[in-house]
């Protein structure tokens, strides 16, 4: 399961299984 995480100024993009999830203000949903 490949996952691409891009850190942006206002949050994170997580790209996994052809889905994009936007996380505002840099909080990851795991870890």
N, C-alpha and C. Protein backbone atom coordinates (compact mmCIF):
# COMPACT_ATOMS: atom_id res chain seq x y z
N UNK A 1 0.84 -1.20 0.00
CA UNK A 1 0.00 0.00 0.00
C UNK A 1 0.88 1.25 0.00
N UNK A 2 1.01 1.82 -1.17
CA UNK A 2 1.84 3.01 -1.29
C UNK A 2 1.07 4.24 -0.83
N UNK A 3 1.75 5.10 -0.15
CA UNK A 3 1.11 6.33 0.31
C UNK A 3 2.07 7.49 0.09
N UNK A 4 1.57 8.54 -0.49
CA UNK A 4 2.36 9.74 -0.71
C UNK A 4 1.83 10.82 0.22
N UNK A 5 2.71 11.38 1.00
CA UNK A 5 2.32 12.46 1.91
C UNK A 5 3.07 13.73 1.50
N UNK A 6 2.34 14.77 1.18
CA UNK A 6 2.93 16.04 0.82
C UNK A 6 2.64 17.06 1.91
N UNK A 7 3.70 17.66 2.47
CA UNK A 7 3.52 18.69 3.48
C UNK A 7 3.39 20.04 2.80
N UNK A 8 2.28 20.69 3.05
CA UNK A 8 2.07 22.03 2.54
C UNK A 8 1.96 23.01 3.70
N UNK A 9 1.98 24.31 3.37
CA UNK A 9 1.97 25.33 4.42
C UNK A 9 0.73 25.26 5.30
N UNK A 10 -0.40 24.84 4.70
CA UNK A 10 -1.65 24.87 5.45
C UNK A 10 -2.16 23.48 5.81
N UNK A 11 -1.36 22.45 5.57
CA UNK A 11 -1.82 21.11 5.92
C UNK A 11 -1.10 20.04 5.13
N UNK A 12 -1.71 18.89 5.05
CA UNK A 12 -1.13 17.73 4.38
C UNK A 12 -2.06 17.22 3.29
N UNK A 13 -1.43 16.74 2.19
CA UNK A 13 -2.14 15.91 1.22
C UNK A 13 -1.66 14.48 1.41
N UNK A 14 -2.57 13.55 1.62
CA UNK A 14 -2.22 12.14 1.62
C UNK A 14 -2.88 11.50 0.41
N UNK A 15 -2.05 10.88 -0.44
CA UNK A 15 -2.55 10.26 -1.65
C UNK A 15 -2.35 8.75 -1.52
N UNK A 16 -3.44 8.01 -1.44
CA UNK A 16 -3.36 6.58 -1.21
C UNK A 16 -4.50 5.88 -1.93
N UNK A 17 -4.19 4.82 -2.64
CA UNK A 17 -5.20 4.05 -3.38
C UNK A 17 -6.06 4.95 -4.27
N UNK A 18 -5.41 5.87 -4.96
CA UNK A 18 -6.07 6.79 -5.90
C UNK A 18 -7.08 7.71 -5.22
N UNK A 19 -6.95 7.86 -3.91
CA UNK A 19 -7.77 8.81 -3.18
C UNK A 19 -6.88 9.90 -2.61
N UNK A 20 -7.42 11.11 -2.56
CA UNK A 20 -6.70 12.21 -1.93
C UNK A 20 -7.43 12.63 -0.66
N UNK A 21 -6.67 12.73 0.40
CA UNK A 21 -7.22 13.17 1.68
C UNK A 21 -6.49 14.45 2.08
N UNK A 22 -7.25 15.50 2.35
CA UNK A 22 -6.66 16.77 2.78
C UNK A 22 -6.77 16.90 4.28
N UNK A 23 -5.65 17.15 4.93
CA UNK A 23 -5.63 17.33 6.38
C UNK A 23 -5.18 18.76 6.68
N UNK A 24 -6.08 19.62 7.17
CA UNK A 24 -5.70 20.99 7.48
C UNK A 24 -4.77 21.07 8.69
N UNK A 25 -3.88 22.05 8.64
CA UNK A 25 -3.03 22.40 9.78
C UNK A 25 -2.14 21.27 10.29
N UNK A 26 -1.81 20.36 9.39
CA UNK A 26 -0.69 19.46 9.63
C UNK A 26 -0.89 18.33 10.62
N UNK A 27 -2.13 17.98 10.98
CA UNK A 27 -2.30 16.85 11.88
C UNK A 27 -2.54 15.57 11.11
N UNK A 28 -1.66 14.60 11.31
CA UNK A 28 -1.82 13.31 10.66
C UNK A 28 -2.78 12.44 11.46
N UNK A 29 -3.55 11.60 10.79
CA UNK A 29 -4.58 10.81 11.47
C UNK A 29 -4.04 9.53 12.10
N UNK A 30 -2.73 9.43 12.21
CA UNK A 30 -2.11 8.23 12.80
C UNK A 30 -0.78 8.61 13.37
N UNK A 31 -0.12 7.72 14.10
CA UNK A 31 1.16 8.03 14.70
C UNK A 31 0.93 8.81 15.95
